[in-house]
Amino acid sequence: MMSGVTSSLDTLPKIGAPATRALNNAGYPALRDLVGVPRDELAKLHGMGPKALDIIQSALKQHSLSLG
């Protein structure tokens, strides 16, 4: 793993404004809030695409966590 690339659990990874807004509006302001949330549930959010979901999944994986 490259140093300095680890995402903080207290913020959302860089996934673009629409996806970030979608997560904030849905009550997920931080990466830690997404642990165990089903990927297909997040995919239904307006502005959330497959790329953003992949970024979130890999950010969680850095902490040995994952989506539901």
PDB file of N, CA and C in Angstrom:
ATOM      1  N   MET A   1       0.851  -1.201   0.000  1.00  0.00           N
ATOM      2  CA  MET A   1       0.000   0.000   0.000  1.00  0.00           C
ATOM      3  C   MET A   1       0.883   1.246   0.000  1.00  0.00           C
ATOM      4  N   MET A   2       0.538   2.209  -0.812  1.00  0.00           N
ATOM      5  CA  MET A   2       1.320   3.431  -0.877  1.00  0.00           C
ATOM      6  C   MET A   2       1.040   4.304   0.341  1.00  0.00           C
ATOM      7  N   SER A   3       2.080   4.914   0.870  1.00  0.00           N
ATOM      8  CA  SER A   3       1.880   5.770   2.039  1.00  0.00           C
ATOM      9  C   SER A   3       1.248   7.096   1.619  1.00  0.00           C
ATOM     10  N   GLY A   4       0.465   7.670   2.507  1.00  0.00           N
ATOM     11  CA  GLY A   4      -0.162   8.951   2.232  1.00  0.00           C
ATOM     12  C   GLY A   4      -1.457   8.870   1.448  1.00  0.00           C
ATOM     13  N   VAL A   5      -1.833   7.664   1.026  1.00  0.00           N
ATOM     14  CA  VAL A   5      -3.049   7.523   0.230  1.00  0.00           C
ATOM     15  C   VAL A   5      -4.205   7.011   1.094  1.00  0.00           C
ATOM     16  N   THR A   6      -3.900   6.607   2.302  1.00  0.00           N
ATOM     17  CA  THR A   6      -4.926   6.054   3.179  1.00  0.00           C
ATOM     18  C   THR A   6      -6.013   7.091   3.449  1.00  0.00           C
ATOM     19  N   SER A   7      -7.252   6.699   3.258  1.00  0.00           N
ATOM     20  CA  SER A   7      -8.379   7.581   3.528  1.00  0.00           C
ATOM     21  C   SER A   7      -8.669   7.609   5.023  1.00  0.00           C
ATOM     22  N   SER A   8      -9.067   8.764   5.501  1.00  0.00           N
ATOM     23  CA  SER A   8      -9.482   8.875   6.890  1.00  0.00           C
ATOM     24  C   SER A   8     -10.898   8.333   7.039  1.00  0.00           C
ATOM     25  N   LEU A   9     -11.150   7.688   8.150  1.00  0.00           N
ATOM     26  CA  LEU A   9     -12.515   7.199   8.413  1.00  0.00           C
ATOM     27  C   LEU A   9     -13.454   8.347   8.786  1.00  0.00           C
ATOM     28  N   ASP A  10     -12.881   9.519   9.068  1.00  0.00           N
ATOM     29  CA  ASP A  10     -13.690  10.656   9.517  1.00  0.00           C
ATOM     30  C   ASP A  10     -14.204  11.530   8.380  1.00  0.00           C
ATOM     31  N   THR A  11     -13.724  11.267   7.170  1.00  0.00           N
ATOM     32  CA  THR A  11     -14.162  12.046   6.013  1.00  0.00           C
ATOM     33  C   THR A  11     -14.531  11.086   4.890  1.00  0.00           C
ATOM     34  N   LEU A  12     -15.085  11.616   3.828  1.00  0.00           N
ATOM     35  CA  LEU A  12     -15.384  10.797   2.656  1.00  0.00           C
ATOM     36  C   LEU A  12     -14.204  10.892   1.695  1.00  0.00           C
ATOM     37  N   PRO A  13     -13.913   9.800   0.969  1.00  0.00           N
ATOM     38  CA  PRO A  13     -12.843   9.878  -0.031  1.00  0.00           C
ATOM     39  C   PRO A  13     -13.243  10.808  -1.169  1.00  0.00           C
ATOM     40  N   LYS A  14     -12.296  11.145  -2.026  1.00  0.00           N
ATOM     41  CA  LYS A  14     -12.558  12.047  -3.162  1.00  0.00           C
ATOM     42  C   LYS A  14     -13.370  11.301  -4.218  1.00  0.00           C
ATOM     43  N   ILE A  15     -14.686  11.504  -4.203  1.00  0.00           N
ATOM     44  CA  ILE A  15     -15.575  10.790  -5.124  1.00  0.00           C
ATOM     45  C   ILE A  15     -16.381  11.736  -6.000  1.00  0.00           C
ATOM     46  N   GLY A  16     -16.100  13.026  -5.928  1.00  0.00           N
ATOM     47  CA  GLY A  16     -16.844  13.991  -6.736  1.00  0.00           C
ATOM     48  C   GLY A  16     -18.007  14.588  -5.968  1.00  0.00           C
ATOM     49  N   ALA A  17     -18.358  15.810  -6.339  1.00  0.00           N
ATOM     50  CA  ALA A  17     -19.389  16.555  -5.614  1.00  0.00           C
ATOM     51  C   ALA A  17     -20.762  15.886  -5.591  1.00  0.00           C
ATOM     52  N   PRO A  18     -21.279  15.390  -6.735  1.00  0.00           N
ATOM     53  CA  PRO A  18     -22.621  14.782  -6.696  1.00  0.00           C
ATOM     54  C   PRO A  18     -22.708  13.586  -5.750  1.00  0.00           C
ATOM     55  N   ALA A  19     -21.681  12.720  -5.794  1.00  0.00           N
ATOM     56  CA  ALA A  19     -21.677  11.539  -4.928  1.00  0.00           C
ATOM     57  C   ALA A  19     -21.516  11.932  -3.462  1.00  0.00           C
ATOM     58  N   THR A  20     -20.650  12.908  -3.206  1.00  0.00           N
ATOM     59  CA  THR A  20     -20.456  13.384  -1.830  1.00  0.00           C
ATOM     60  C   THR A  20     -21.752  13.974  -1.281  1.00  0.00           C
ATOM     61  N   ARG A  21     -22.421  14.784  -2.111  1.00  0.00           N
ATOM     62  CA  ARG A  21     -23.701  15.378  -1.705  1.00  0.00           C
ATOM     63  C   ARG A  21     -24.732  14.293  -1.429  1.00  0.00           C
ATOM     64  N   ALA A  22     -24.768  13.286  -2.291  1.00  0.00           N
ATOM     65  CA  ALA A  22     -25.729  12.196  -2.117  1.00  0.00           C
ATOM     66  C   ALA A  22     -25.522  11.497  -0.784  1.00  0.00           C
ATOM     67  N   LEU A  23     -24.263  11.225  -0.441  1.00  0.00           N
ATOM     68  CA  LEU A  23     -23.971  10.547   0.823  1.00  0.00           C
ATOM     69  C   LEU A  23     -24.305  11.435   2.018  1.00  0.00           C
ATOM     70  N   ASN A  24     -23.936  12.717   1.944  1.00  0.00           N
ATOM     71  CA  ASN A  24     -24.261  13.633   3.034  1.00  0.00           C
ATOM     72  C   ASN A  24     -25.765  13.729   3.251  1.00  0.00           C
ATOM     73  N   ASN A  25     -26.513  13.855   2.148  1.00  0.00           N
ATOM     74  CA  ASN A  25     -27.971  13.960   2.237  1.00  0.00           C
ATOM     75  C   ASN A  25     -28.602  12.692   2.792  1.00  0.00           C
ATOM     76  N   ALA A  26     -27.968  11.544   2.540  1.00  0.00           N
ATOM     77  CA  ALA A  26     -28.496  10.265   3.011  1.00  0.00           C
ATOM     78  C   ALA A  26     -28.045   9.954   4.445  1.00  0.00           C
ATOM     79  N   GLY A  27     -27.252  10.865   5.026  1.00  0.00           N
ATOM     80  CA  GLY A  27     -26.825  10.678   6.410  1.00  0.00           C
ATOM     81  C   GLY A  27     -25.512   9.926   6.575  1.00  0.00           C
ATOM     82  N   TYR A  28     -24.667   9.977   5.548  1.00  0.00           N
ATOM     83  CA  TYR A  28     -23.353   9.327   5.608  1.00  0.00           C
ATOM     84  C   TYR A  28     -22.250  10.369   5.411  1.00  0.00           C
ATOM     85  N   PRO A  29     -21.960  11.184   6.434  1.00  0.00           N
ATOM     86  CA  PRO A  29     -20.962  12.246   6.267  1.00  0.00           C
ATOM     87  C   PRO A  29     -19.514  11.775   6.334  1.00  0.00           C
ATOM     88  N   ALA A  30     -19.280  10.537   6.769  1.00  0.00           N
ATOM     89  CA  ALA A  30     -17.911  10.047   6.920  1.00  0.00           C
ATOM     90  C   ALA A  30     -17.799   8.619   6.410  1.00  0.00           C
ATOM     91  N   LEU A  31     -16.577   8.226   6.056  1.00  0.00           N
ATOM     92  CA  LEU A  31     -16.334   6.881   5.545  1.00  0.00           C
ATOM     93  C   LEU A  31     -16.803   5.813   6.535  1.00  0.00           C
ATOM     94  N   ARG A  32     -16.575   6.055   7.830  1.00  0.00           N
ATOM     95  CA  ARG A  32     -16.965   5.074   8.858  1.00  0.00           C
ATOM     96  C   ARG A  32     -18.467   4.801   8.855  1.00  0.00           C
ATOM     97  N   ASP A  33     -19.265   5.762   8.398  1.00  0.00           N
ATOM     98  CA  ASP A  33     -20.726   5.595   8.377  1.00  0.00           C
ATOM     99  C   ASP A  33     -21.180   4.605   7.297  1.00  0.00           C
ATOM    100  N   LEU A  34     -20.284   4.287   6.372  1.00  0.00           N
ATOM    101  CA  LEU A  34     -20.640   3.417   5.250  1.00  0.00           C
ATOM    102  C   LEU A  34     -20.329   1.943   5.496  1.00  0.00           C
ATOM    103  N   VAL A  35     -19.678   1.647   6.613  1.00  0.00           N
ATOM    104  CA  VAL A  35     -19.317   0.256   6.919  1.00  0.00           C
ATOM    105  C   VAL A  35     -20.589  -0.584   7.034  1.00  0.00           C
ATOM    106  N   GLY A  36     -20.657  -1.648   6.242  1.00  0.00           N
ATOM    107  CA  GLY A  36     -21.790  -2.555   6.312  1.00  0.00           C
ATOM    108  C   GLY A  36     -23.019  -2.130   5.548  1.00  0.00           C
ATOM    109  N   VAL A  37     -22.989  -0.926   4.952  1.00  0.00           N
ATOM    110  CA  VAL A  37     -24.139  -0.484   4.164  1.00  0.00           C
ATOM    111  C   VAL A  37     -24.116  -1.231   2.826  1.00  0.00           C
ATOM    112  N   PRO A  38     -25.237  -1.834   2.413  1.00  0.00           N
ATOM    113  CA  PRO A  38     -25.251  -2.580   1.149  1.00  0.00           C
ATOM    114  C   PRO A  38     -24.881  -1.692  -0.048  1.00  0.00           C
ATOM    115  N   ARG A  39     -23.975  -2.198  -0.883  1.00  0.00           N
ATOM    116  CA  ARG A  39     -23.528  -1.453  -2.060  1.00  0.00           C
ATOM    117  C   ARG A  39     -24.705  -1.069  -2.965  1.00  0.00           C
ATOM    118  N   ASP A  40     -25.666  -1.992  -3.136  1.00  0.00           N
ATOM    119  CA  ASP A  40     -26.788  -1.669  -4.032  1.00  0.00           C
ATOM    120  C   ASP A  40     -27.700  -0.603  -3.449  1.00  0.00           C
ATOM    121  N   GLU A  41     -27.711  -0.464  -2.132  1.00  0.00           N
ATOM    122  CA  GLU A  41     -28.483   0.617  -1.508  1.00  0.00           C
ATOM    123  C   GLU A  41     -27.833   1.968  -1.829  1.00  0.00           C
ATOM    124  N   LEU A  42     -26.509   2.030  -1.745  1.00  0.00           N
ATOM    125  CA  LEU A  42     -25.797   3.264  -2.082  1.00  0.00           C
ATOM    126  C   LEU A  42     -25.921   3.579  -3.568  1.00  0.00           C
ATOM    127  N   ALA A  43     -25.946   2.549  -4.401  1.00  0.00           N
ATOM    128  CA  ALA A  43     -26.032   2.743  -5.853  1.00  0.00           C
ATOM    129  C   ALA A  43     -27.343   3.419  -6.256  1.00  0.00           C
ATOM    130  N   LYS A  44     -28.366   3.321  -5.412  1.00  0.00           N
ATOM    131  CA  LYS A  44     -29.661   3.938  -5.715  1.00  0.00           C
ATOM    132  C   LYS A  44     -29.649   5.442  -5.471  1.00  0.00           C
ATOM    133  N   LEU A  45     -28.661   5.939  -4.744  1.00  0.00           N
ATOM    134  CA  LEU A  45     -28.611   7.369  -4.442  1.00  0.00           C
ATOM    135  C   LEU A  45     -28.312   8.166  -5.707  1.00  0.00           C
ATOM    136  N   HIS A  46     -29.013   9.285  -5.881  1.00  0.00           N
ATOM    137  CA  HIS A  46     -28.810  10.135  -7.043  1.00  0.00           C
ATOM    138  C   HIS A  46     -27.401  10.721  -7.011  1.00  0.00           C
ATOM    139  N   GLY A  47     -26.634  10.509  -8.074  1.00  0.00           N
ATOM    140  CA  GLY A  47     -25.275  11.042  -8.141  1.00  0.00           C
ATOM    141  C   GLY A  47     -24.208  10.030  -7.771  1.00  0.00           C
ATOM    142  N   MET A  48     -24.630   8.849  -7.343  1.00  0.00           N
ATOM    143  CA  MET A  48     -23.682   7.809  -6.938  1.00  0.00           C
ATOM    144  C   MET A  48     -23.485   6.831  -8.089  1.00  0.00           C
ATOM    145  N   GLY A  49     -22.274   6.763  -8.613  1.00  0.00           N
ATOM    146  CA  GLY A  49     -21.991   5.866  -9.731  1.00  0.00           C
ATOM    147  C   GLY A  49     -21.055   4.740  -9.332  1.00  0.00           C
ATOM    148  N   PRO A  50     -20.815   3.808 -10.260  1.00  0.00           N
ATOM    149  CA  PRO A  50     -19.946   2.662  -9.981  1.00  0.00           C
ATOM    150  C   PRO A  50     -18.533   3.077  -9.594  1.00  0.00           C
ATOM    151  N   LYS A  51     -18.018   4.146 -10.219  1.00  0.00           N
ATOM    152  CA  LYS A  51     -16.653   4.597  -9.912  1.00  0.00           C
ATOM    153  C   LYS A  51     -16.569   5.063  -8.457  1.00  0.00           C
ATOM    154  N   ALA A  52     -17.550   5.858  -8.026  1.00  0.00           N
ATOM    155  CA  ALA A  52     -17.562   6.342  -6.646  1.00  0.00           C
ATOM    156  C   ALA A  52     -17.665   5.167  -5.671  1.00  0.00           C
ATOM    157  N   LEU A  53     -18.485   4.189  -6.004  1.00  0.00           N
ATOM    158  CA  LEU A  53     -18.638   3.015  -5.143  1.00  0.00           C
ATOM    159  C   LEU A  53     -17.329   2.224  -5.046  1.00  0.00           C
ATOM    160  N   ASP A  54     -16.610   2.110  -6.168  1.00  0.00           N
ATOM    161  CA  ASP A  54     -15.320   1.414  -6.155  1.00  0.00           C
ATOM    162  C   ASP A  54     -14.309   2.152  -5.275  1.00  0.00           C
ATOM    163  N   ILE A  55     -14.309   3.479  -5.360  1.00  0.00           N
ATOM    164  CA  ILE A  55     -13.390   4.286  -4.543  1.00  0.00           C
ATOM    165  C   ILE A  55     -13.711   4.099  -3.063  1.00  0.00           C
ATOM    166  N   ILE A  56     -15.003   4.123  -2.722  1.00  0.00           N
ATOM    167  CA  ILE A  56     -15.414   3.921  -1.329  1.00  0.00           C
ATOM    168  C   ILE A  56     -15.004   2.540  -0.847  1.00  0.00           C
ATOM    169  N   GLN A  57     -15.250   1.526  -1.675  1.00  0.00           N
ATOM    170  CA  GLN A  57     -14.909   0.156  -1.295  1.00  0.00           C
ATOM    171  C   GLN A  57     -13.405   0.018  -1.052  1.00  0.00           C
ATOM    172  N   SER A  58     -12.578   0.589  -1.930  1.00  0.00           N
ATOM    173  CA  SER A  58     -11.138   0.451  -1.737  1.00  0.00           C
ATOM    174  C   SER A  58     -10.662   1.273  -0.541  1.00  0.00           C
ATOM    175  N   ALA A  59     -11.311   2.414  -0.277  1.00  0.00           N
ATOM    176  CA  ALA A  59     -10.954   3.216   0.907  1.00  0.00           C
ATOM    177  C   ALA A  59     -11.270   2.439   2.181  1.00  0.00           C
ATOM    178  N   LEU A  60     -12.429   1.766   2.206  1.00  0.00           N
ATOM    179  CA  LEU A  60     -12.789   0.942   3.366  1.00  0.00           C
ATOM    180  C   LEU A  60     -11.817  -0.222   3.528  1.00  0.00           C
ATOM    181  N   LYS A  61     -11.411  -0.801   2.403  1.00  0.00           N
ATOM    182  CA  LYS A  61     -10.516  -1.963   2.429  1.00  0.00           C
ATOM    183  C   LYS A  61      -9.176  -1.609   3.094  1.00  0.00           C
ATOM    184  N   GLN A  62      -8.758  -0.350   2.960  1.00  0.00           N
ATOM    185  CA  GLN A  62      -7.512   0.100   3.595  1.00  0.00           C
ATOM    186  C   GLN A  62      -7.585  -0.026   5.117  1.00  0.00           C
ATOM    187  N   HIS A  63      -8.801  -0.034   5.632  1.00  0.00           N
ATOM    188  CA  HIS A  63      -9.024  -0.148   7.085  1.00  0.00           C
ATOM    189  C   HIS A  63      -9.551  -1.528   7.448  1.00  0.00           C
ATOM    190  N   SER A  64      -9.445  -2.468   6.523  1.00  0.00           N
ATOM    191  CA  SER A  64      -9.976  -3.826   6.703  1.00  0.00           C
ATOM    192  C   SER A  64     -11.478  -3.819   6.962  1.00  0.00           C
ATOM    193  N   LEU A  65     -12.179  -2.900   6.308  1.00  0.00           N
ATOM    194  CA  LEU A  65     -13.633  -2.791   6.428  1.00  0.00           C
ATOM    195  C   LEU A  65     -14.220  -2.947   5.028  1.00  0.00           C
ATOM    196  N   SER A  66     -15.544  -3.038   4.936  1.00  0.00           N
ATOM    197  CA  SER A  66     -16.175  -3.120   3.624  1.00  0.00           C
ATOM    198  C   SER A  66     -17.630  -2.685   3.692  1.00  0.00           C
ATOM    199  N   LEU A  67     -18.202  -2.506   2.498  1.00  0.00           N
ATOM    200  CA  LEU A  67     -19.633  -2.253   2.398  1.00  0.00           C
ATOM    201  C   LEU A  67     -20.351  -3.561   2.708  1.00  0.00           C
ATOM    202  N   GLY A  68     -21.672  -3.492   2.877  1.00  0.00           N
ATOM    203  CA  GLY A  68     -22.431  -4.693   3.192  1.00  0.00           C
ATOM    204  C   GLY A  68     -22.640  -5.580   1.978  1.00  0.00           C
TER     205      GLY A  68
END
